[in-house]
Amino acid sequence: MTLRPWLLCLTTLWLTGCQYLPAPLAPHSSGVAMPNASQGQGTLSCTDADALPDFDDGQCLLPEWVAFGLASQRGDRAWREAIQVRLVGEAKERRLARAVLLSWGSEQQWDLASELYKADLASAPTELQPLLRYWLNELEGRRRLAGQLAEQRRAHATAVEEKAALTQELEAMAEKLEQLTAIEQNINLRQQSE
């Protein structure tokens, strides 16, 4: 009987005790070492909302591209169209940024995004290539699933059409059977009356 209050106390302490753990000294959300403001360098902002990703800044390379990928995923069609106008040009970084942008657009844009990824992935900096390859693989997975869904829809539509045709054929056969039954009944009635 004395064990139950102790277990209750220990469980309560266990559930509420997380707040008493020491907090981490600095958050490491992006994995990028930020310069210390006390050293006179100021703070480093890698995710400017209006900036387009590029290959220039080694420290901000991944955070910039991740932020752009998330913005592309979350943005609506109007936002993507406005950004696409800013991404004109044939520079590799522009083409890859267009690939990221188009990969979250309509299904018709996915083909172009895949082509851009495949054509320019090797020209990206080596530390960025795994992220871009991951995004390409994710896009290819969505394209494959969309293709399977379209195939299933076509198969379903074909099955519905076949069912409708079979239903019509069955109704026609049932009507003929009724006619034959009526003819047979007439013949039987004539034979009985003779």
Protein backbone atom coordinates (compact mmCIF):
# COMPACT_ATOMS: atom_id res chain seq x y z
CA MET A 1 0.00 0.00 0.00
CA THR A 2 2.89 2.38 0.69
CA LEU A 3 4.35 1.65 -2.74
CA ARG A 4 1.48 3.31 -4.61
CA PRO A 5 2.06 6.87 -3.26
CA TRP A 6 5.77 6.59 -4.04
CA LEU A 7 5.08 5.46 -7.60
CA LEU A 8 2.63 8.32 -8.03
CA CYS A 9 5.19 10.84 -6.79
CA LEU A 10 7.95 9.43 -8.99
CA THR A 11 5.71 9.44 -12.05
CA THR A 12 4.70 13.04 -11.40
CA LEU A 13 8.32 14.08 -10.99
CA TRP A 14 9.29 12.18 -14.11
CA LEU A 15 6.57 13.84 -16.21
CA THR A 16 7.19 17.37 -14.93
CA GLY A 17 10.94 17.12 -14.44
CA CYS A 18 11.90 17.99 -18.04
CA GLN A 19 11.54 21.68 -17.31
CA TYR A 20 14.37 21.47 -14.79
CA LEU A 21 16.90 20.08 -17.26
CA PRO A 22 19.55 22.57 -18.40
CA ALA A 23 18.67 24.35 -21.63
CA PRO A 24 21.07 24.01 -24.58
CA LEU A 25 23.49 26.88 -24.88
CA ALA A 26 22.73 27.73 -28.51
CA PRO A 27 20.16 26.35 -30.93
CA HIS A 28 21.63 24.42 -33.85
CA SER A 29 18.67 24.44 -36.21
CA SER A 30 20.62 24.89 -39.41
CA GLY A 31 23.97 23.41 -38.45
CA VAL A 32 25.71 26.63 -39.59
CA ALA A 33 28.13 28.29 -37.18
CA MET A 34 26.94 31.83 -36.69
CA PRO A 35 29.53 34.52 -35.97
CA ASN A 36 29.33 35.99 -32.51
CA ALA A 37 28.06 39.57 -32.25
CA SER A 38 30.43 40.26 -29.35
CA GLN A 39 33.39 39.62 -31.63
CA GLY A 40 32.43 42.57 -33.80
CA GLN A 41 31.35 40.50 -36.76
CA GLY A 42 27.59 40.97 -36.36
CA THR A 43 25.03 38.27 -36.91
CA LEU A 44 24.78 36.26 -40.10
CA SER A 45 21.38 36.04 -41.74
CA CYS A 46 21.23 33.23 -44.25
CA THR A 47 17.55 33.34 -45.06
CA ASP A 48 16.65 36.67 -46.64
CA ALA A 49 13.00 36.43 -47.70
CA ASP A 50 13.54 38.26 -51.00
CA ALA A 51 16.86 36.67 -51.98
CA LEU A 52 17.07 33.93 -54.56
CA PRO A 53 19.38 31.04 -53.75
CA ASP A 54 22.78 30.95 -55.38
CA PHE A 55 26.09 29.12 -55.18
CA ASP A 56 28.12 32.08 -53.81
CA ASP A 57 28.11 31.99 -50.00
CA GLY A 58 29.54 28.74 -48.64
CA GLN A 59 28.27 29.32 -45.08
CA CYS A 60 24.72 30.06 -46.16
CA LEU A 61 24.51 27.66 -49.10
CA LEU A 62 22.39 24.97 -47.47
CA PRO A 63 20.20 27.27 -45.34
CA GLU A 64 19.41 29.43 -48.38
CA TRP A 65 18.41 26.47 -50.53
CA VAL A 66 16.43 24.78 -47.75
CA ALA A 67 14.57 28.04 -47.06
CA PHE A 68 13.85 28.46 -50.78
CA GLY A 69 12.64 24.86 -51.04
CA LEU A 70 10.31 25.32 -48.07
CA ALA A 71 9.02 28.61 -49.46
CA SER A 72 8.40 26.92 -52.83
CA GLN A 73 6.51 24.13 -51.14
CA ARG A 74 4.39 26.47 -49.03
CA GLY A 75 3.87 29.22 -51.61
CA ASP A 76 0.78 29.47 -53.74
CA ARG A 77 0.61 29.57 -57.52
CA ALA A 78 0.79 33.39 -57.69
CA TRP A 79 3.94 33.43 -55.54
CA ARG A 80 5.60 30.74 -57.67
CA GLU A 81 4.75 32.63 -60.87
CA ALA A 82 6.23 35.85 -59.45
CA ILE A 83 9.43 34.07 -58.41
CA GLN A 84 9.68 32.26 -61.75
CA VAL A 85 9.81 35.64 -63.52
CA ARG A 86 12.83 36.51 -61.34
CA LEU A 87 14.55 33.20 -62.16
CA VAL A 88 15.12 33.89 -65.85
CA GLY A 89 18.47 32.99 -67.32
CA GLU A 90 20.50 29.92 -68.12
CA ALA A 91 22.90 30.01 -65.17
CA LYS A 92 23.04 26.64 -63.44
CA GLU A 93 21.94 28.09 -60.10
CA ARG A 94 18.92 29.75 -61.75
CA ARG A 95 17.97 26.55 -63.57
CA LEU A 96 18.22 24.51 -60.35
CA ALA A 97 16.20 27.12 -58.46
CA ARG A 98 13.57 26.88 -61.22
CA ALA A 99 13.61 23.10 -60.79
CA VAL A 100 12.95 23.49 -57.06
CA LEU A 101 10.19 25.98 -57.77
CA LEU A 102 8.52 23.95 -60.54
CA SER A 103 8.69 20.73 -58.55
CA TRP A 104 5.99 22.20 -56.27
CA GLY A 105 3.89 23.51 -59.13
CA SER A 106 1.32 21.66 -61.19
CA GLU A 107 1.81 18.12 -62.44
CA GLN A 108 2.53 19.50 -65.92
CA GLN A 109 5.52 21.42 -64.49
CA TRP A 110 6.97 18.33 -62.81
CA ASP A 111 8.41 17.00 -66.09
CA LEU A 112 10.35 20.21 -66.72
CA ALA A 113 11.53 20.30 -63.10
CA SER A 114 12.83 16.74 -63.42
CA GLU A 115 14.68 17.58 -66.64
CA LEU A 116 16.29 20.65 -65.03
CA TYR A 117 17.35 18.68 -61.95
CA LYS A 118 18.90 15.91 -64.05
CA ALA A 119 20.67 18.30 -66.40
CA ASP A 120 22.23 20.58 -63.78
CA LEU A 121 22.55 18.57 -60.57
CA ALA A 122 26.19 17.65 -61.25
CA SER A 123 27.13 21.32 -61.66
CA ALA A 124 25.93 22.24 -58.16
CA PRO A 125 28.45 22.54 -55.31
CA THR A 126 29.18 19.15 -53.76
CA GLU A 127 27.69 20.08 -50.36
CA LEU A 128 24.41 20.99 -52.08
CA GLN A 129 24.15 17.92 -54.32
CA PRO A 130 22.72 15.51 -51.68
CA LEU A 131 19.88 17.93 -50.93
CA LEU A 132 19.10 18.44 -54.61
CA ARG A 133 19.30 14.68 -55.25
CA TYR A 134 16.88 14.11 -52.36
CA TRP A 135 14.47 16.64 -53.84
CA LEU A 136 14.80 15.03 -57.27
CA ASN A 137 14.07 11.58 -55.81
CA GLU A 138 11.07 12.97 -53.96
CA LEU A 139 9.80 14.58 -57.17
CA GLU A 140 10.29 11.34 -59.11
CA GLY A 141 8.33 9.51 -56.39
CA ARG A 142 5.46 11.97 -56.72
CA ARG A 143 5.56 11.66 -60.52
CA ARG A 144 5.48 7.87 -60.24
CA LEU A 145 2.54 7.98 -57.81
CA ALA A 146 0.70 10.45 -60.05
CA GLY A 147 1.28 8.13 -63.01
CA GLN A 148 -0.02 5.15 -61.04
CA LEU A 149 -3.06 7.15 -59.96
CA ALA A 150 -3.75 8.22 -63.56
CA GLU A 151 -3.40 4.58 -64.68
CA GLN A 152 -5.80 3.45 -61.97
CA ARG A 153 -8.27 6.14 -63.00
CA ARG A 154 -8.04 5.02 -66.63
CA ALA A 155 -8.52 1.40 -65.55
CA HIS A 156 -11.49 2.41 -63.41
CA ALA A 157 -13.04 4.38 -66.29
CA THR A 158 -12.53 1.40 -68.61
CA ALA A 159 -14.11 -0.92 -66.03
CA VAL A 160 -17.09 1.43 -65.68
CA GLU A 161 -17.51 1.53 -69.46
CA GLU A 162 -17.28 -2.28 -69.68
CA LYS A 163 -19.80 -2.63 -66.85
CA ALA A 164 -22.19 -0.27 -68.62
CA ALA A 165 -21.81 -2.23 -71.88
CA LEU A 166 -22.36 -5.54 -70.06
CA THR A 167 -25.39 -4.11 -68.28
CA GLN A 168 -26.88 -3.06 -71.63
CA GLU A 169 -26.12 -6.46 -73.11
CA LEU A 170 -27.68 -8.19 -70.09
CA GLU A 171 -30.80 -6.04 -70.37
CA ALA A 172 -31.06 -6.83 -74.09
CA MET A 173 -30.68 -10.56 -73.36
CA ALA A 174 -33.29 -10.36 -70.59
CA GLU A 175 -35.68 -8.67 -73.01
CA LYS A 176 -35.08 -11.37 -75.64
CA LEU A 177 -35.61 -14.04 -73.00
CA GLU A 178 -38.92 -12.48 -72.05
CA GLN A 179 -39.94 -12.41 -75.71
CA LEU A 180 -38.95 -16.07 -76.15
CA THR A 181 -40.86 -17.01 -72.99
CA ALA A 182 -43.94 -15.21 -74.30
CA ILE A 183 -43.64 -17.02 -77.66
CA GLU A 184 -43.24 -20.38 -75.88
CA GLN A 185 -46.30 -19.68 -73.73
CA ASN A 186 -48.33 -18.85 -76.86
CA ILE A 187 -47.21 -22.08 -78.52
CA ASN A 188 -48.12 -24.10 -75.41
CA LEU A 189 -51.55 -22.44 -75.22
CA ARG A 190 -52.25 -23.27 -78.87
CA GLN A 191 -51.22 -26.89 -78.40
CA GLN A 192 -53.45 -27.23 -75.37
CA SER A 193 -56.43 -25.70 -77.16
CA GLU A 194 -56.12 -28.11 -80.11
